[in-house]
Amino acid sequence: MNTLQQQIVSEQDYLAHYSQDPDVRYEYINGEVVAMAGASNRHNMISLNLIMKLGQKLAQGSCVPFASDWRVQCDGNYYYPDIVVDCDTSSAFQAGKPILIVEILSESTRENDMTIKLLDYQKISSLQEYVLIEQNFTRVVVYRRRQNWQAVEYFAENDEIELESIDLTLSMADVYHRVPFERKIRVIRQNKSR
């Protein structure tokens, strides 16, 4: 994420000038317009894996999963989560009743995803779960409204993740299917003495 301007922009100016083009995404965070950067291969694979699983689960219901292009409003801030499950799609560009939000962490978004967005998303009355997914190693953190938004559920390796908001169980293998991790090989040196 890159801050587009250092000057403070009003919410009205953001909505008039930065939110009209569906091909370009700008978040609006505490008066600053932030351009959304492209995503890595790992980020895209994780997003694709989740969208496919969510789409299968929600195919017959009224809730719909969206990837990256569905705006969420929290008070006066506007975000484009990596994935949002919305149960009111009457707007052309913005979530009406999000129940699940997923952010895939990167070095450029980590701080905002784990602080500002965590606090803002809690203010959305319909939201039931907020999920943070690491893209450089296998780890998922789930925050739930029913648990007072405490990060009490951490998942790794062979765990299964229960998304209560949509009654879906995912394995970590589902989340990280075909995600290319860099392998680090540890070399052990032996002293050869005679």
Protein backbone atom coordinates (compact mmCIF):
# COMPACT_ATOMS: atom_id res chain seq x y z
CA MET A 1 0.00 0.00 0.00
CA ASN A 2 1.26 3.44 -0.87
CA THR A 3 -0.09 6.70 0.48
CA LEU A 4 -1.12 8.72 -2.54
CA GLN A 5 -1.05 12.07 -0.84
CA GLN A 6 0.34 13.40 2.39
CA GLN A 7 -2.42 15.99 2.69
CA ILE A 8 -5.70 15.19 4.37
CA VAL A 9 -8.58 14.59 1.95
CA SER A 10 -12.21 14.89 2.99
CA GLU A 11 -14.49 11.87 2.81
CA GLN A 12 -16.62 13.72 0.24
CA ASP A 13 -13.56 14.36 -1.99
CA TYR A 14 -12.51 10.73 -1.70
CA LEU A 15 -15.97 9.54 -2.74
CA ALA A 16 -16.15 12.06 -5.60
CA HIS A 17 -12.64 11.62 -7.01
CA TYR A 18 -11.14 8.31 -5.89
CA SER A 19 -13.99 5.81 -5.67
CA GLN A 20 -15.66 6.16 -9.06
CA ASP A 21 -13.33 4.06 -11.23
CA PRO A 22 -13.91 0.33 -10.61
CA ASP A 23 -10.58 -0.53 -12.28
CA VAL A 24 -8.45 1.45 -9.81
CA ARG A 25 -8.69 0.95 -6.05
CA TYR A 26 -7.89 3.49 -3.37
CA GLU A 27 -8.55 2.96 0.30
CA TYR A 28 -9.41 5.92 2.49
CA ILE A 29 -7.90 5.70 5.98
CA ASN A 30 -8.25 8.52 8.47
CA GLY A 31 -8.21 11.20 5.79
CA GLU A 32 -5.44 9.71 3.66
CA VAL A 33 -5.95 8.19 0.22
CA VAL A 34 -3.96 4.97 -0.14
CA ALA A 35 -3.34 3.34 -3.53
CA MET A 36 -3.69 -0.43 -3.48
CA ALA A 37 -0.63 -2.23 -4.84
CA GLY A 38 -0.51 -5.44 -6.85
CA ALA A 39 -0.29 -8.81 -5.15
CA SER A 40 2.27 -11.62 -5.16
CA ASN A 41 1.85 -15.09 -6.62
CA ARG A 42 1.34 -16.54 -3.11
CA HIS A 43 -1.24 -13.88 -2.26
CA ASN A 44 -3.19 -14.59 -5.44
CA MET A 45 -3.10 -18.37 -4.95
CA ILE A 46 -4.39 -18.10 -1.39
CA SER A 47 -7.14 -15.73 -2.50
CA LEU A 48 -8.12 -18.02 -5.39
CA ASN A 49 -8.18 -21.09 -3.11
CA LEU A 50 -10.49 -19.34 -0.65
CA ILE A 51 -12.80 -17.82 -3.26
CA MET A 52 -13.29 -21.25 -4.84
CA LYS A 53 -14.12 -22.89 -1.48
CA LEU A 54 -16.36 -20.01 -0.38
CA GLY A 55 -18.10 -19.92 -3.76
CA GLN A 56 -18.88 -23.65 -3.57
CA LYS A 57 -20.23 -23.32 -0.05
CA LEU A 58 -22.34 -20.21 -0.75
CA ALA A 59 -23.55 -21.12 -4.25
CA GLN A 60 -27.17 -21.58 -3.18
CA GLY A 61 -27.48 -18.89 -0.51
CA SER A 62 -27.96 -15.14 -0.41
CA CYS A 63 -24.39 -14.38 0.72
CA VAL A 64 -21.70 -13.90 -1.92
CA PRO A 65 -17.86 -13.96 -1.68
CA PHE A 66 -15.95 -11.11 -3.35
CA ALA A 67 -12.21 -10.80 -3.92
CA SER A 68 -10.42 -7.44 -3.66
CA ASP A 69 -12.88 -5.24 -5.54
CA TRP A 70 -15.73 -5.04 -3.03
CA ARG A 71 -15.47 -1.94 -0.85
CA VAL A 72 -16.29 -1.97 2.86
CA GLN A 73 -17.18 1.17 4.81
CA CYS A 74 -16.28 1.52 8.49
CA ASP A 75 -17.37 4.84 9.91
CA GLY A 76 -15.57 7.34 7.67
CA ASN A 77 -12.95 4.91 6.36
CA TYR A 78 -13.20 2.79 3.20
CA TYR A 79 -11.32 -0.45 2.60
CA TYR A 80 -10.96 -3.11 -0.09
CA PRO A 81 -10.46 -6.36 1.83
CA ASP A 82 -8.78 -9.25 0.07
CA ILE A 83 -11.99 -11.25 0.50
CA VAL A 84 -15.37 -10.28 1.89
CA VAL A 85 -18.53 -12.36 2.20
CA ASP A 86 -21.47 -10.00 1.82
CA CYS A 87 -25.10 -10.86 2.51
CA ASP A 88 -26.56 -7.67 0.96
CA THR A 89 -25.27 -7.05 -2.54
CA SER A 90 -27.79 -4.36 -3.48
CA SER A 91 -25.01 -1.79 -3.98
CA ALA A 92 -22.95 -1.83 -7.18
CA PHE A 93 -19.55 -1.39 -5.46
CA GLN A 94 -19.89 -1.62 -1.68
CA ALA A 95 -20.71 -4.27 0.89
CA GLY A 96 -24.08 -3.88 2.55
CA LYS A 97 -23.91 -6.62 5.17
CA PRO A 98 -20.45 -8.21 5.38
CA ILE A 99 -20.25 -11.21 7.71
CA LEU A 100 -16.70 -12.43 6.97
CA ILE A 101 -13.60 -10.43 6.01
CA VAL A 102 -10.24 -11.97 5.10
CA GLU A 103 -6.94 -10.11 4.74
CA ILE A 104 -3.83 -11.83 3.37
CA LEU A 105 -0.84 -10.30 5.10
CA SER A 106 2.09 -8.75 3.28
CA GLU A 107 4.92 -6.55 4.51
CA SER A 108 3.22 -3.44 3.11
CA THR A 109 -0.24 -4.16 4.60
CA ARG A 110 0.55 -6.06 7.81
CA GLU A 111 0.53 -3.09 10.19
CA ASN A 112 -2.79 -1.67 8.97
CA ASP A 113 -4.43 -5.12 8.72
CA MET A 114 -3.50 -6.00 12.31
CA THR A 115 -4.29 -2.63 13.90
CA ILE A 116 -6.42 0.01 12.15
CA LYS A 117 -8.50 -2.45 10.12
CA LEU A 118 -8.93 -4.82 13.07
CA LEU A 119 -10.36 -1.98 15.15
CA ASP A 120 -12.49 -0.55 12.33
CA TYR A 121 -13.91 -3.89 11.18
CA GLN A 122 -15.15 -4.56 14.71
CA LYS A 123 -17.52 -1.60 14.28
CA ILE A 124 -19.39 -3.32 11.44
CA SER A 125 -22.51 -4.64 13.15
CA SER A 126 -23.03 -7.55 10.73
CA LEU A 127 -19.41 -8.77 10.80
CA GLN A 128 -18.92 -12.09 12.61
CA GLU A 129 -15.31 -13.03 11.74
CA TYR A 130 -12.07 -11.40 10.67
CA VAL A 131 -9.38 -13.72 9.31
CA LEU A 132 -5.69 -12.89 8.83
CA ILE A 133 -3.65 -15.22 6.62
CA GLU A 134 0.12 -15.25 6.32
CA GLN A 135 1.37 -15.63 2.76
CA ASN A 136 5.03 -16.42 3.48
CA PHE A 137 4.40 -19.31 5.88
CA THR A 138 1.42 -21.36 7.08
CA ARG A 139 -0.45 -19.48 9.78
CA VAL A 140 -4.02 -18.25 10.05
CA VAL A 141 -5.52 -16.15 12.84
CA VAL A 142 -9.28 -15.86 13.34
CA TYR A 143 -10.94 -13.06 15.31
CA ARG A 144 -14.60 -13.60 16.23
CA ARG A 145 -17.27 -11.25 17.49
CA ARG A 146 -18.55 -13.94 19.89
CA GLN A 147 -15.05 -14.02 21.43
CA ASN A 148 -14.95 -10.23 21.85
CA TRP A 149 -12.56 -9.90 18.87
CA GLN A 150 -9.68 -11.54 20.71
CA ALA A 151 -7.18 -13.49 18.59
CA VAL A 152 -7.77 -16.74 20.37
CA GLU A 153 -7.65 -19.07 17.41
CA TYR A 154 -4.36 -19.66 15.64
CA PHE A 155 -4.01 -22.33 13.00
CA ALA A 156 -0.90 -23.90 11.49
CA GLU A 157 0.28 -26.92 9.48
CA ASN A 158 -2.43 -29.64 9.50
CA ASP A 159 -5.12 -27.81 11.46
CA GLU A 160 -8.69 -27.27 10.32
CA ILE A 161 -10.26 -23.82 10.40
CA GLU A 162 -13.92 -23.43 11.29
CA LEU A 163 -15.52 -20.38 9.69
CA GLU A 164 -18.57 -20.16 11.90
CA SER A 165 -20.12 -17.22 10.02
CA ILE A 166 -20.75 -19.41 6.97
CA ASP A 167 -20.58 -22.88 8.57
CA LEU A 168 -17.52 -23.97 6.59
CA THR A 169 -14.53 -26.03 7.69
CA LEU A 170 -11.30 -25.52 5.74
CA SER A 171 -8.07 -27.42 6.12
CA MET A 172 -4.80 -25.54 6.04
CA ALA A 173 -4.10 -27.58 2.90
CA ASP A 174 -7.21 -25.97 1.34
CA VAL A 175 -5.91 -22.49 2.16
CA TYR A 176 -2.34 -23.09 0.97
CA HIS A 177 -3.03 -25.44 -1.96
CA ARG A 178 -0.32 -24.96 -4.64
CA VAL A 179 1.17 -21.95 -2.82
CA PRO A 180 4.88 -21.83 -3.70
CA PHE A 181 6.95 -21.38 -0.56
CA GLU A 182 10.67 -20.84 -0.73
CA ARG A 183 12.42 -23.81 0.78
CA LYS A 184 15.16 -23.06 3.25
CA ILE A 185 17.70 -25.80 3.66
CA ARG A 186 19.70 -25.90 6.84
CA VAL A 187 23.17 -27.22 6.38
CA ILE A 188 24.68 -28.99 9.34
CA ARG A 189 28.44 -28.91 9.42
CA GLN A 190 30.31 -31.64 11.13
CA ASN A 191 33.74 -31.30 12.61
CA LYS A 192 35.98 -34.01 11.35
CA SER A 193 38.78 -34.63 13.74
CA ARG A 194 41.40 -37.34 13.54
